[in-house]
């Protein structure tokens, strides 16, 4: 329901077309919920049509839920991007990027959320991080190795996929232990792009997985 009593009426009309035959009558009563009495009356009308069950009532054998909150620190590269976004440091953010691939600062809070999940979500950051890592690896080679040895960008991308995000570092440590214990893992994210990165991580480590998002067919 998108805060519309007409949509609510449509559902109720589908469930009971006799009791809710007139949309006009329903919207006249509940179209504008302006006081507590109207809300209470609507709750009374809805109560026979709503069924709320909790897991504890349905499945008695479920063990009690255990919740563990792990606070994950940002990686150094995340801290750099986070600070630059917060301070709107365009000199750092736009360095080495084309204008069409530069990070957007129209919504700073959203960009900070992206950074906390994974810096690859920031426009232009993935190419820059991988290029910087490749440059660091190249400088660590001997003169002869620099001539004959090529940088393995596929391997480097996989490494930076994990190293660039504190959450992915934690996942890369947790998943092997959970798999060895025969566990199944459910990972939720509000961002589809995070699911893309998670899928790359799972494929990289040859984990079996099932992805469910808005594009998944029924």
N, C-alpha and C. Protein backbone atom coordinates (compact mmCIF):
# COMPACT_ATOMS: atom_id res chain seq x y z
N UNK A 1 0.84 -1.20 0.00
CA UNK A 1 0.00 0.00 0.00
C UNK A 1 0.88 1.25 0.00
N UNK A 2 0.61 2.15 -0.92
CA UNK A 2 1.38 3.38 -1.00
C UNK A 2 0.61 4.52 -0.32
N UNK A 3 0.29 4.30 0.98
CA UNK A 3 -0.42 5.33 1.76
C UNK A 3 -1.72 5.75 1.09
N UNK A 4 -2.40 4.80 0.46
CA UNK A 4 -3.64 5.11 -0.25
C UNK A 4 -4.74 4.20 0.27
N UNK A 5 -5.81 4.80 0.78
CA UNK A 5 -6.93 4.00 1.26
C UNK A 5 -7.69 3.37 0.10
N UNK A 6 -7.56 3.93 -1.10
CA UNK A 6 -8.21 3.32 -2.27
C UNK A 6 -7.56 1.97 -2.59
N UNK A 7 -6.26 1.88 -2.43
CA UNK A 7 -5.59 0.59 -2.63
C UNK A 7 -6.03 -0.41 -1.56
N UNK A 8 -6.19 0.08 -0.34
CA UNK A 8 -6.68 -0.78 0.74
C UNK A 8 -8.08 -1.28 0.42
N UNK A 9 -8.94 -0.39 -0.07
CA UNK A 9 -10.29 -0.82 -0.46
C UNK A 9 -10.24 -1.87 -1.56
N UNK A 10 -9.33 -1.73 -2.52
CA UNK A 10 -9.24 -2.70 -3.62
C UNK A 10 -8.92 -4.09 -3.09
N UNK A 11 -8.03 -4.17 -2.10
CA UNK A 11 -7.70 -5.47 -1.50
C UNK A 11 -8.90 -6.04 -0.74
N UNK A 12 -9.56 -5.18 0.02
CA UNK A 12 -10.72 -5.63 0.80
C UNK A 12 -11.87 -6.03 -0.13
N UNK A 13 -12.05 -5.30 -1.20
CA UNK A 13 -13.09 -5.62 -2.18
C UNK A 13 -12.83 -6.98 -2.81
N UNK A 14 -11.55 -7.28 -3.06
CA UNK A 14 -11.19 -8.58 -3.62
C UNK A 14 -11.49 -9.69 -2.61
N UNK A 15 -11.22 -9.41 -1.32
CA UNK A 15 -11.45 -10.43 -0.28
C UNK A 15 -12.93 -10.60 0.04
N UNK A 16 -13.67 -9.51 0.02
CA UNK A 16 -15.10 -9.57 0.37
C UNK A 16 -15.86 -8.52 -0.44
N UNK A 17 -16.22 -8.84 -1.68
CA UNK A 17 -16.90 -7.84 -2.54
C UNK A 17 -18.28 -7.44 -2.04
N UNK A 18 -18.89 -8.24 -1.18
CA UNK A 18 -20.22 -7.89 -0.66
C UNK A 18 -20.10 -6.80 0.41
N UNK A 19 -19.21 -7.02 1.37
CA UNK A 19 -19.05 -6.06 2.47
C UNK A 19 -18.39 -4.78 2.00
N UNK A 20 -17.55 -4.87 0.96
CA UNK A 20 -16.84 -3.68 0.49
C UNK A 20 -17.16 -3.47 -1.00
N UNK A 21 -18.43 -3.26 -1.26
CA UNK A 21 -18.88 -3.11 -2.64
C UNK A 21 -18.72 -1.71 -3.18
N UNK A 22 -18.72 -0.71 -2.31
CA UNK A 22 -18.69 0.68 -2.76
C UNK A 22 -17.38 1.34 -2.36
N UNK A 23 -16.61 1.74 -3.35
CA UNK A 23 -15.37 2.45 -3.07
C UNK A 23 -15.66 3.84 -2.51
N UNK A 24 -16.67 4.51 -3.04
CA UNK A 24 -16.99 5.85 -2.58
C UNK A 24 -17.37 5.86 -1.10
N UNK A 25 -18.15 4.87 -0.69
CA UNK A 25 -18.56 4.80 0.72
C UNK A 25 -17.35 4.59 1.62
N UNK A 26 -16.43 3.73 1.16
CA UNK A 26 -15.23 3.44 1.97
C UNK A 26 -14.33 4.67 2.06
N UNK A 27 -14.11 5.34 0.93
CA UNK A 27 -13.22 6.51 0.94
C UNK A 27 -13.85 7.69 1.68
N UNK A 28 -15.18 7.76 1.67
CA UNK A 28 -15.83 8.82 2.44
C UNK A 28 -15.60 8.64 3.94
N UNK A 29 -15.55 7.38 4.38
CA UNK A 29 -15.34 7.10 5.80
C UNK A 29 -13.87 7.19 6.18
N UNK A 30 -13.00 6.65 5.32
CA UNK A 30 -11.60 6.49 5.72
C UNK A 30 -10.60 7.13 4.75
N UNK A 31 -11.10 7.92 3.80
CA UNK A 31 -10.19 8.52 2.82
C UNK A 31 -9.20 9.48 3.43
N UNK A 32 -9.66 10.22 4.44
CA UNK A 32 -8.78 11.17 5.14
C UNK A 32 -8.80 10.82 6.62
N UNK A 33 -7.76 10.12 7.07
CA UNK A 33 -7.67 9.73 8.48
C UNK A 33 -7.11 10.90 9.28
N UNK A 34 -8.02 11.64 9.90
CA UNK A 34 -7.62 12.88 10.57
C UNK A 34 -7.66 12.80 12.08
N UNK A 35 -8.29 11.77 12.64
CA UNK A 35 -8.33 11.68 14.10
C UNK A 35 -8.23 10.23 14.53
N UNK A 36 -8.01 10.03 15.81
CA UNK A 36 -7.80 8.70 16.37
C UNK A 36 -9.03 7.81 16.25
N UNK A 37 -10.22 8.42 16.31
CA UNK A 37 -11.45 7.62 16.21
C UNK A 37 -11.56 6.96 14.84
N UNK A 38 -11.22 7.70 13.78
CA UNK A 38 -11.27 7.12 12.45
C UNK A 38 -10.30 5.95 12.33
N UNK A 39 -9.10 6.11 12.88
CA UNK A 39 -8.11 5.04 12.82
C UNK A 39 -8.60 3.83 13.60
N UNK A 40 -9.18 4.05 14.77
CA UNK A 40 -9.70 2.95 15.58
C UNK A 40 -10.83 2.23 14.85
N UNK A 41 -11.70 2.99 14.20
CA UNK A 41 -12.81 2.38 13.44
C UNK A 41 -12.28 1.56 12.27
N UNK A 42 -11.24 2.06 11.61
CA UNK A 42 -10.65 1.31 10.50
C UNK A 42 -10.02 0.01 10.99
N UNK A 43 -9.35 0.07 12.12
CA UNK A 43 -8.76 -1.14 12.70
C UNK A 43 -9.84 -2.18 13.00
N UNK A 44 -10.96 -1.71 13.50
CA UNK A 44 -12.07 -2.62 13.79
C UNK A 44 -12.59 -3.28 12.53
N UNK A 45 -12.68 -2.50 11.44
CA UNK A 45 -13.13 -3.05 10.17
C UNK A 45 -12.12 -4.07 9.62
N UNK A 46 -10.85 -3.79 9.78
CA UNK A 46 -9.80 -4.65 9.20
C UNK A 46 -9.58 -5.93 9.99
N UNK A 47 -9.84 -5.89 11.28
CA UNK A 47 -9.46 -7.00 12.16
C UNK A 47 -9.92 -8.38 11.67
N UNK A 48 -11.15 -8.56 11.19
CA UNK A 48 -11.57 -9.91 10.75
C UNK A 48 -10.85 -10.39 9.48
N UNK A 49 -10.17 -9.48 8.78
CA UNK A 49 -9.56 -9.86 7.51
C UNK A 49 -8.05 -9.98 7.60
N UNK A 50 -7.49 -9.74 8.76
CA UNK A 50 -6.04 -9.82 8.93
C UNK A 50 -5.68 -10.99 9.83
N UNK A 51 -4.71 -11.76 9.40
CA UNK A 51 -4.22 -12.88 10.18
C UNK A 51 -2.74 -12.65 10.46
N UNK A 52 -2.41 -12.53 11.70
CA UNK A 52 -1.03 -12.33 12.08
C UNK A 52 -0.56 -13.51 12.92
N UNK A 53 0.45 -14.16 12.39
CA UNK A 53 1.01 -15.30 13.13
C UNK A 53 2.50 -15.07 13.32
N UNK A 54 2.99 -15.40 14.48
CA UNK A 54 4.43 -15.31 14.72
C UNK A 54 5.00 -16.72 14.73
N UNK A 55 6.28 -16.81 14.43
CA UNK A 55 6.92 -18.12 14.28
C UNK A 55 6.81 -18.96 15.55
N UNK A 56 6.87 -18.28 16.70
CA UNK A 56 6.83 -19.03 17.96
C UNK A 56 5.49 -19.75 18.14
N UNK A 57 4.42 -19.19 17.56
CA UNK A 57 3.10 -19.81 17.68
C UNK A 57 2.90 -20.94 16.68
N UNK A 58 3.58 -20.85 15.55
CA UNK A 58 3.38 -21.82 14.47
C UNK A 58 4.32 -23.01 14.61
N UNK A 59 5.58 -22.74 14.89
CA UNK A 59 6.58 -23.80 14.97
C UNK A 59 7.19 -23.81 16.37
N UNK A 60 6.71 -24.75 17.19
CA UNK A 60 7.13 -24.79 18.59
C UNK A 60 8.56 -25.29 18.77
N UNK A 61 9.08 -26.00 17.76
CA UNK A 61 10.41 -26.60 17.91
C UNK A 61 11.54 -25.65 17.55
N UNK A 62 11.21 -24.43 17.12
CA UNK A 62 12.27 -23.48 16.76
C UNK A 62 13.09 -23.11 17.99
N UNK A 63 14.41 -23.16 17.89
CA UNK A 63 15.22 -22.72 19.03
C UNK A 63 15.14 -21.20 19.17
N UNK A 64 15.41 -20.68 20.34
CA UNK A 64 15.36 -19.22 20.52
C UNK A 64 16.37 -18.52 19.62
N UNK A 65 15.98 -17.37 19.13
CA UNK A 65 16.84 -16.63 18.22
C UNK A 65 18.03 -16.05 18.96
N UNK A 66 19.19 -16.19 18.36
CA UNK A 66 20.40 -15.58 18.91
C UNK A 66 20.87 -14.50 17.95
N UNK A 67 21.13 -13.34 18.46
CA UNK A 67 21.56 -12.22 17.63
C UNK A 67 22.93 -11.75 18.08
N UNK A 68 23.85 -11.71 17.14
CA UNK A 68 25.20 -11.23 17.41
C UNK A 68 25.51 -10.10 16.45
N UNK A 69 25.83 -8.95 16.96
CA UNK A 69 26.15 -7.79 16.13
C UNK A 69 27.66 -7.62 16.08
N UNK A 70 28.21 -7.71 14.89
CA UNK A 70 29.65 -7.54 14.70
C UNK A 70 29.90 -6.17 14.07
N UNK A 71 30.63 -5.36 14.75
CA UNK A 71 30.99 -4.05 14.21
C UNK A 71 32.25 -4.19 13.36
N UNK A 72 32.14 -3.78 12.11
CA UNK A 72 33.23 -3.93 11.16
C UNK A 72 33.85 -2.57 10.89
N UNK A 73 35.16 -2.48 11.01
CA UNK A 73 35.85 -1.23 10.73
C UNK A 73 36.04 -1.05 9.22
N UNK A 74 36.13 0.18 8.80
CA UNK A 74 36.38 0.47 7.41
C UNK A 74 37.84 0.16 7.07
N UNK A 75 38.06 -0.27 5.84
CA UNK A 75 39.43 -0.47 5.38
C UNK A 75 40.07 0.89 5.11
N UNK A 76 41.40 0.94 4.99
CA UNK A 76 42.04 2.24 4.70
C UNK A 76 41.49 2.93 3.46
N UNK A 77 41.23 2.18 2.39
CA UNK A 77 40.71 2.80 1.18
C UNK A 77 39.29 3.32 1.39
N UNK A 78 38.49 2.60 2.20
CA UNK A 78 37.15 3.10 2.52
C UNK A 78 37.23 4.40 3.32
N UNK A 79 38.16 4.47 4.25
CA UNK A 79 38.32 5.68 5.05
C UNK A 79 38.71 6.86 4.18
N UNK A 80 39.57 6.61 3.20
CA UNK A 80 39.98 7.69 2.30
C UNK A 80 38.79 8.23 1.51
N UNK A 81 38.01 7.32 0.92
CA UNK A 81 36.87 7.74 0.13
C UNK A 81 35.78 8.35 1.03
N UNK A 82 35.58 7.79 2.21
CA UNK A 82 34.56 8.32 3.12
C UNK A 82 34.89 9.77 3.48
N UNK A 83 36.13 10.02 3.85
CA UNK A 83 36.53 11.37 4.22
C UNK A 83 36.40 12.33 3.05
N UNK A 84 36.82 11.86 1.85
CA UNK A 84 36.74 12.72 0.67
C UNK A 84 35.30 13.06 0.31
N UNK A 85 34.40 12.08 0.44
CA UNK A 85 32.98 12.33 0.15
C UNK A 85 32.39 13.27 1.18
N UNK A 86 32.68 13.02 2.44
CA UNK A 86 32.13 13.86 3.51
C UNK A 86 32.59 15.31 3.37
N UNK A 87 33.87 15.49 3.01
CA UNK A 87 34.41 16.84 2.87
C UNK A 87 34.23 17.39 1.46
N UNK A 88 33.60 16.59 0.58
CA UNK A 88 33.41 16.97 -0.83
C UNK A 88 34.74 17.36 -1.48
N UNK A 89 35.72 16.51 -1.25
CA UNK A 89 37.06 16.72 -1.79
C UNK A 89 37.11 16.24 -3.24
N UNK A 90 36.72 17.10 -4.15
CA UNK A 90 36.66 16.72 -5.56
C UNK A 90 38.04 16.44 -6.14
N UNK A 91 39.07 17.07 -5.56
CA UNK A 91 40.42 16.82 -6.04
C UNK A 91 40.81 15.36 -5.90
N UNK A 92 40.41 14.74 -4.78
CA UNK A 92 40.68 13.32 -4.58
C UNK A 92 39.72 12.44 -5.37
N UNK A 93 38.44 12.78 -5.31
CA UNK A 93 37.42 11.93 -5.91
C UNK A 93 37.50 11.90 -7.43
N UNK A 94 37.84 13.03 -8.04
CA UNK A 94 37.84 13.11 -9.51
C UNK A 94 39.20 12.79 -10.12
N UNK A 95 40.18 12.47 -9.28
CA UNK A 95 41.53 12.21 -9.77
C UNK A 95 41.56 11.00 -10.70
N UNK A 96 42.03 11.20 -11.92
CA UNK A 96 42.19 10.11 -12.87
C UNK A 96 40.91 9.58 -13.46
N UNK A 97 39.78 10.27 -13.25
CA UNK A 97 38.50 9.80 -13.78
C UNK A 97 37.99 10.75 -14.86
N UNK A 98 37.25 10.20 -15.78
CA UNK A 98 36.60 11.02 -16.79
C UNK A 98 35.36 11.67 -16.17
N UNK A 99 34.98 12.84 -16.64
CA UNK A 99 33.79 13.51 -16.09
C UNK A 99 32.55 12.62 -16.10
N UNK A 100 32.43 11.78 -17.13
CA UNK A 100 31.25 10.91 -17.22
C UNK A 100 31.28 9.78 -16.21
N UNK A 101 32.46 9.51 -15.62
CA UNK A 101 32.61 8.41 -14.68
C UNK A 101 33.02 8.90 -13.29
N UNK A 102 32.82 10.20 -13.04
CA UNK A 102 33.21 10.78 -11.76
C UNK A 102 32.13 10.53 -10.71
N UNK A 103 32.52 10.41 -9.44
CA UNK A 103 31.52 10.21 -8.38
C UNK A 103 30.55 11.38 -8.30
N UNK A 104 29.33 11.09 -7.92
CA UNK A 104 28.31 12.12 -7.78
C UNK A 104 28.23 12.56 -6.32
N UNK A 105 28.14 13.87 -6.12
CA UNK A 105 28.01 14.41 -4.77
C UNK A 105 26.66 15.08 -4.57
N UNK A 106 25.70 14.73 -5.41
CA UNK A 106 24.35 15.30 -5.28
C UNK A 106 23.67 14.81 -4.01
N UNK A 107 23.96 13.54 -3.63
CA UNK A 107 23.38 12.97 -2.42
C UNK A 107 24.52 12.38 -1.59
N UNK A 108 25.08 13.20 -0.72
CA UNK A 108 26.26 12.79 0.04
C UNK A 108 25.96 11.60 0.94
N UNK A 109 24.80 11.60 1.60
CA UNK A 109 24.47 10.51 2.51
C UNK A 109 24.41 9.17 1.78
N UNK A 110 23.86 9.15 0.58
CA UNK A 110 23.79 7.91 -0.18
C UNK A 110 25.19 7.45 -0.57
N UNK A 111 26.05 8.38 -0.97
CA UNK A 111 27.42 8.02 -1.34
C UNK A 111 28.18 7.48 -0.13
N UNK A 112 27.92 8.03 1.05
CA UNK A 112 28.57 7.52 2.26
C UNK A 112 28.08 6.11 2.58
N UNK A 113 26.80 5.85 2.37
CA UNK A 113 26.26 4.50 2.57
C UNK A 113 26.92 3.52 1.63
N UNK A 114 27.08 3.93 0.37
CA UNK A 114 27.75 3.08 -0.61
C UNK A 114 29.17 2.77 -0.15
N UNK A 115 29.86 3.79 0.29
CA UNK A 115 31.25 3.62 0.71
C UNK A 115 31.36 2.65 1.88
N UNK A 116 30.41 2.72 2.82
CA UNK A 116 30.46 1.82 3.98
C UNK A 116 30.20 0.36 3.57
N UNK A 117 29.44 0.15 2.51
CA UNK A 117 29.23 -1.21 2.01
C UNK A 117 30.43 -1.68 1.21
N UNK A 118 30.77 -0.93 0.19
CA UNK A 118 31.92 -1.28 -0.65
C UNK A 118 32.27 -0.09 -1.53
N UNK A 119 33.54 0.34 -1.57
CA UNK A 119 33.90 1.49 -2.39
C UNK A 119 33.69 1.27 -3.89
N UNK A 120 33.58 0.01 -4.33
CA UNK A 120 33.31 -0.25 -5.74
C UNK A 120 31.96 0.31 -6.17
N UNK A 121 31.08 0.60 -5.19
CA UNK A 121 29.77 1.15 -5.51
C UNK A 121 29.86 2.62 -5.93
N UNK A 122 30.96 3.26 -5.58
CA UNK A 122 31.16 4.66 -5.94
C UNK A 122 31.62 4.73 -7.39
N UNK A 123 30.99 5.56 -8.15
CA UNK A 123 31.29 5.64 -9.57
C UNK A 123 32.76 6.01 -9.80
N UNK A 124 33.45 5.20 -10.58
CA UNK A 124 34.84 5.45 -10.91
C UNK A 124 35.84 4.89 -9.92
N UNK A 125 35.38 4.47 -8.74
CA UNK A 125 36.31 4.03 -7.69
C UNK A 125 36.93 2.68 -8.01
N UNK A 126 36.15 1.76 -8.59
CA UNK A 126 36.67 0.42 -8.85
C UNK A 126 37.88 0.46 -9.78
N UNK A 127 37.76 1.17 -10.89
CA UNK A 127 38.88 1.25 -11.83
C UNK A 127 40.10 1.88 -11.17
N UNK A 128 39.87 2.90 -10.38
CA UNK A 128 40.98 3.59 -9.74
C UNK A 128 41.67 2.70 -8.71
N UNK A 129 40.89 1.99 -7.91
CA UNK A 129 41.48 1.11 -6.88
C UNK A 129 42.30 0.00 -7.53
N UNK A 130 41.77 -0.59 -8.58
CA UNK A 130 42.47 -1.69 -9.25
C UNK A 130 43.73 -1.17 -9.94
N UNK A 131 43.64 -0.01 -10.58
CA UNK A 131 44.81 0.58 -11.23
C UNK A 131 45.91 0.90 -10.22
N UNK A 132 45.51 1.45 -9.06
CA UNK A 132 46.49 1.76 -8.01
C UNK A 132 47.15 0.48 -7.49
N UNK A 133 46.35 -0.58 -7.32
CA UNK A 133 46.90 -1.85 -6.84
C UNK A 133 47.85 -2.45 -7.88
N UNK A 134 47.50 -2.33 -9.16
CA UNK A 134 48.36 -2.84 -10.22
C UNK A 134 49.67 -2.06 -10.27
N UNK A 135 49.58 -0.74 -10.08
CA UNK A 135 50.79 0.09 -10.07
C UNK A 135 51.69 -0.28 -8.90
N UNK A 136 51.09 -0.52 -7.72
CA UNK A 136 51.88 -0.91 -6.54
C UNK A 136 52.55 -2.26 -6.76
N UNK A 137 51.83 -3.21 -7.35
CA UNK A 137 52.40 -4.53 -7.62
C UNK A 137 53.53 -4.43 -8.65
N UNK A 138 53.35 -3.59 -9.67
CA UNK A 138 54.38 -3.44 -10.71
C UNK A 138 55.66 -2.87 -10.12
N UNK A 139 55.53 -1.89 -9.21
CA UNK A 139 56.71 -1.28 -8.61
C UNK A 139 57.45 -2.24 -7.69
N UNK A 140 56.75 -3.25 -7.19
CA UNK A 140 57.39 -4.22 -6.30
C UNK A 140 58.19 -5.27 -7.05
N UNK A 141 58.05 -5.32 -8.39
CA UNK A 141 58.77 -6.30 -9.20
C UNK A 141 60.19 -5.84 -9.48
N UNK A 142 61.05 -6.80 -9.73
CA UNK A 142 62.42 -6.49 -10.15
C UNK A 142 62.39 -5.97 -11.57
N UNK A 143 63.46 -5.29 -12.02
CA UNK A 143 63.50 -4.79 -13.41
C UNK A 143 63.22 -5.88 -14.45
N UNK A 144 63.78 -7.08 -14.26
CA UNK A 144 63.54 -8.16 -15.21
C UNK A 144 62.08 -8.62 -15.19
N UNK A 145 61.50 -8.69 -13.98
CA UNK A 145 60.09 -9.10 -13.86
C UNK A 145 59.16 -8.06 -14.49
N UNK A 146 59.54 -6.79 -14.39
CA UNK A 146 58.71 -5.74 -14.99
C UNK A 146 58.67 -5.88 -16.51
N UNK A 147 59.71 -6.45 -17.10
CA UNK A 147 59.77 -6.62 -18.55
C UNK A 147 58.97 -7.84 -19.00
N UNK A 148 59.12 -8.95 -18.29
CA UNK A 148 58.58 -10.22 -18.76
C UNK A 148 57.29 -10.66 -18.06
N UNK A 149 57.01 -10.10 -16.94
CA UNK A 149 55.84 -10.56 -16.18
C UNK A 149 54.68 -9.60 -16.38
N UNK A 150 53.51 -10.13 -16.65
CA UNK A 150 52.32 -9.33 -16.84
C UNK A 150 51.45 -9.35 -15.58
N UNK A 151 50.79 -8.25 -15.34
CA UNK A 151 49.89 -8.16 -14.18
C UNK A 151 48.63 -8.96 -14.46
N UNK A 152 48.27 -9.84 -13.52
CA UNK A 152 47.04 -10.64 -13.64
C UNK A 152 45.89 -9.81 -13.08
N UNK A 153 45.19 -9.09 -13.99
CA UNK A 153 44.13 -8.18 -13.54
C UNK A 153 42.92 -8.93 -12.99
N UNK A 154 42.66 -10.13 -13.50
CA UNK A 154 41.54 -10.91 -12.98
C UNK A 154 41.78 -11.27 -11.52
N UNK A 155 42.99 -11.74 -11.23
CA UNK A 155 43.35 -12.08 -9.85
C UNK A 155 43.37 -10.84 -8.98
N UNK A 156 43.89 -9.75 -9.53
CA UNK A 156 43.98 -8.51 -8.77
C UNK A 156 42.59 -7.97 -8.43
N UNK A 157 41.67 -8.07 -9.38
CA UNK A 157 40.30 -7.60 -9.13
C UNK A 157 39.65 -8.41 -8.02
N UNK A 158 39.86 -9.73 -8.03
CA UNK A 158 39.31 -10.58 -6.98
C UNK A 158 39.88 -10.23 -5.61
N UNK A 159 41.17 -9.93 -5.58
CA UNK A 159 41.80 -9.57 -4.31
C UNK A 159 41.26 -8.24 -3.78
N UNK A 160 41.14 -7.25 -4.68
CA UNK A 160 40.66 -5.94 -4.25
C UNK A 160 39.16 -5.95 -3.92
N UNK A 161 38.43 -6.87 -4.54
CA UNK A 161 37.01 -7.03 -4.20
C UNK A 161 36.86 -7.31 -2.71
N UNK A 162 37.77 -8.08 -2.17
CA UNK A 162 37.71 -8.43 -0.74
C UNK A 162 38.42 -7.39 0.11
N UNK A 163 39.64 -7.01 -0.28
CA UNK A 163 40.46 -6.14 0.55
C UNK A 163 39.90 -4.72 0.70
N UNK A 164 39.10 -4.29 -0.27
CA UNK A 164 38.64 -2.90 -0.27
C UNK A 164 37.48 -2.64 0.68
N UNK A 165 36.82 -3.70 1.17
CA UNK A 165 35.64 -3.54 2.02
C UNK A 165 35.78 -4.33 3.30
N UNK A 166 35.56 -3.68 4.43
CA UNK A 166 35.63 -4.37 5.71
C UNK A 166 34.60 -5.48 5.82
N UNK A 167 33.41 -5.26 5.26
CA UNK A 167 32.37 -6.29 5.31
C UNK A 167 32.76 -7.51 4.48
N UNK A 168 33.40 -7.28 3.35
CA UNK A 168 33.80 -8.40 2.51
C UNK A 168 34.99 -9.14 3.11
N UNK A 169 35.85 -8.43 3.82
CA UNK A 169 36.93 -9.10 4.54
C UNK A 169 36.36 -10.05 5.59
N UNK A 170 35.35 -9.56 6.33
CA UNK A 170 34.70 -10.40 7.34
C UNK A 170 34.00 -11.59 6.70
N UNK A 171 33.29 -11.36 5.60
CA UNK A 171 32.59 -12.44 4.90
C UNK A 171 33.56 -13.51 4.42
N UNK A 172 34.69 -13.07 3.90
CA UNK A 172 35.67 -14.03 3.37
C UNK A 172 36.25 -14.91 4.48
N UNK A 173 36.16 -14.45 5.72
CA UNK A 173 36.61 -15.26 6.87
C UNK A 173 35.49 -16.12 7.42
N UNK A 174 34.26 -15.58 7.41
CA UNK A 174 33.13 -16.30 8.00
C UNK A 174 32.64 -17.45 7.12
N UNK A 175 32.52 -17.20 5.82
CA UNK A 175 31.89 -18.18 4.94
C UNK A 175 32.58 -19.55 4.94
N UNK A 176 33.93 -19.63 4.90
CA UNK A 176 34.55 -20.96 4.96
C UNK A 176 34.21 -21.72 6.24
N UNK A 177 34.16 -21.01 7.36
CA UNK A 177 33.84 -21.66 8.64
C UNK A 177 32.39 -22.15 8.65
N UNK A 178 31.48 -21.33 8.13
CA UNK A 178 30.08 -21.72 8.09
C UNK A 178 29.86 -22.88 7.13
N UNK A 179 30.56 -22.87 6.00
CA UNK A 179 30.42 -23.96 5.04
C UNK A 179 30.94 -25.27 5.62
N UNK A 180 32.06 -25.21 6.32
CA UNK A 180 32.62 -26.43 6.91
C UNK A 180 31.71 -27.00 7.99
N UNK A 181 30.88 -26.14 8.61
CA UNK A 181 29.93 -26.59 9.62
C UNK A 181 28.60 -27.02 9.05
N UNK A 182 28.47 -27.00 7.72
CA UNK A 182 27.23 -27.43 7.08
C UNK A 182 26.10 -26.43 7.18
N UNK A 183 26.42 -25.16 7.40
CA UNK A 183 25.39 -24.14 7.56
C UNK A 183 24.95 -23.58 6.20
N UNK A 184 23.73 -23.07 6.18
CA UNK A 184 23.24 -22.26 5.07
C UNK A 184 23.24 -20.80 5.52
N UNK A 185 23.51 -19.91 4.61
CA UNK A 185 23.68 -18.50 4.95
C UNK A 185 22.71 -17.65 4.13
N UNK A 186 21.99 -16.76 4.79
CA UNK A 186 21.11 -15.81 4.12
C UNK A 186 21.73 -14.42 4.27
N UNK A 187 22.01 -13.76 3.14
CA UNK A 187 22.59 -12.43 3.15
C UNK A 187 21.60 -11.47 2.51
N UNK A 188 21.28 -10.42 3.23
CA UNK A 188 20.30 -9.44 2.74
C UNK A 188 20.99 -8.11 2.49
N UNK A 189 20.60 -7.44 1.42
CA UNK A 189 21.08 -6.09 1.15
C UNK A 189 19.98 -5.29 0.48
N UNK A 190 19.89 -4.01 0.81
CA UNK A 190 18.93 -3.13 0.17
C UNK A 190 19.40 -2.69 -1.22
N UNK A 191 20.68 -2.85 -1.49
CA UNK A 191 21.25 -2.38 -2.76
C UNK A 191 21.50 -3.56 -3.69
N UNK A 192 20.91 -3.49 -4.88
CA UNK A 192 21.10 -4.56 -5.87
C UNK A 192 22.56 -4.64 -6.29
N UNK A 193 23.22 -3.50 -6.36
CA UNK A 193 24.63 -3.50 -6.77
C UNK A 193 25.50 -4.24 -5.76
N UNK A 194 25.12 -4.20 -4.49
CA UNK A 194 25.85 -4.99 -3.48
C UNK A 194 25.67 -6.47 -3.75
N UNK A 195 24.46 -6.87 -4.18
CA UNK A 195 24.22 -8.27 -4.53
C UNK A 195 25.11 -8.68 -5.71
N UNK A 196 25.34 -7.76 -6.64
CA UNK A 196 26.24 -8.06 -7.76
C UNK A 196 27.65 -8.37 -7.26
N UNK A 197 28.13 -7.55 -6.32
CA UNK A 197 29.47 -7.76 -5.77
C UNK A 197 29.53 -9.04 -4.95
N UNK A 198 28.46 -9.31 -4.19
CA UNK A 198 28.41 -10.56 -3.41
C UNK A 198 28.43 -11.77 -4.34
N UNK A 199 27.73 -11.65 -5.46
CA UNK A 199 27.71 -12.75 -6.43
C UNK A 199 29.11 -13.00 -6.98
N UNK A 200 29.85 -11.93 -7.25
CA UNK A 200 31.23 -12.08 -7.72
C UNK A 200 32.08 -12.78 -6.65
N UNK A 201 31.88 -12.41 -5.39
CA UNK A 201 32.63 -13.03 -4.29
C UNK A 201 32.33 -14.52 -4.20
N UNK A 202 31.06 -14.89 -4.30
CA UNK A 202 30.67 -16.29 -4.20
C UNK A 202 31.20 -17.10 -5.39
N UNK A 203 31.14 -16.52 -6.57
CA UNK A 203 31.67 -17.20 -7.75
C UNK A 203 33.18 -17.36 -7.66
N UNK A 204 33.82 -16.35 -7.13
CA UNK A 204 35.28 -16.39 -6.98
C UNK A 204 35.72 -17.54 -6.08
N UNK A 205 34.91 -17.81 -5.06
CA UNK A 205 35.25 -18.86 -4.09
C UNK A 205 34.48 -20.16 -4.34
N UNK A 206 33.78 -20.23 -5.48
CA UNK A 206 33.08 -21.45 -5.90
C UNK A 206 32.04 -21.92 -4.89
N UNK A 207 31.31 -20.96 -4.31
CA UNK A 207 30.20 -21.30 -3.42
C UNK A 207 28.92 -21.47 -4.24
N UNK A 208 28.11 -22.43 -3.84
CA UNK A 208 26.78 -22.56 -4.44
C UNK A 208 25.86 -21.53 -3.80
N UNK A 209 25.05 -20.89 -4.63
CA UNK A 209 24.18 -19.84 -4.09
C UNK A 209 22.92 -19.72 -4.94
N UNK A 210 21.94 -19.09 -4.37
CA UNK A 210 20.70 -18.74 -5.07
C UNK A 210 20.44 -17.27 -4.83
N UNK A 211 20.24 -16.53 -5.91
CA UNK A 211 20.01 -15.09 -5.79
C UNK A 211 18.53 -14.77 -6.00
N UNK A 212 18.02 -13.91 -5.14
CA UNK A 212 16.61 -13.52 -5.23
C UNK A 212 16.53 -11.99 -5.14
N UNK A 213 16.10 -11.37 -6.23
CA UNK A 213 15.88 -9.93 -6.23
C UNK A 213 14.70 -9.62 -7.15
N UNK A 214 14.50 -8.35 -7.44
CA UNK A 214 13.34 -7.95 -8.23
C UNK A 214 13.34 -8.45 -9.64
N UNK A 215 14.49 -8.90 -10.15
CA UNK A 215 14.56 -9.40 -11.51
C UNK A 215 14.37 -10.90 -11.60
N UNK A 216 14.28 -11.57 -10.46
CA UNK A 216 14.13 -13.03 -10.44
C UNK A 216 12.70 -13.41 -10.84
N UNK A 217 12.58 -14.28 -11.84
CA UNK A 217 11.25 -14.70 -12.28
C UNK A 217 10.63 -15.67 -11.26
N UNK A 218 9.32 -15.72 -11.26
CA UNK A 218 8.61 -16.58 -10.31
C UNK A 218 8.77 -18.05 -10.68
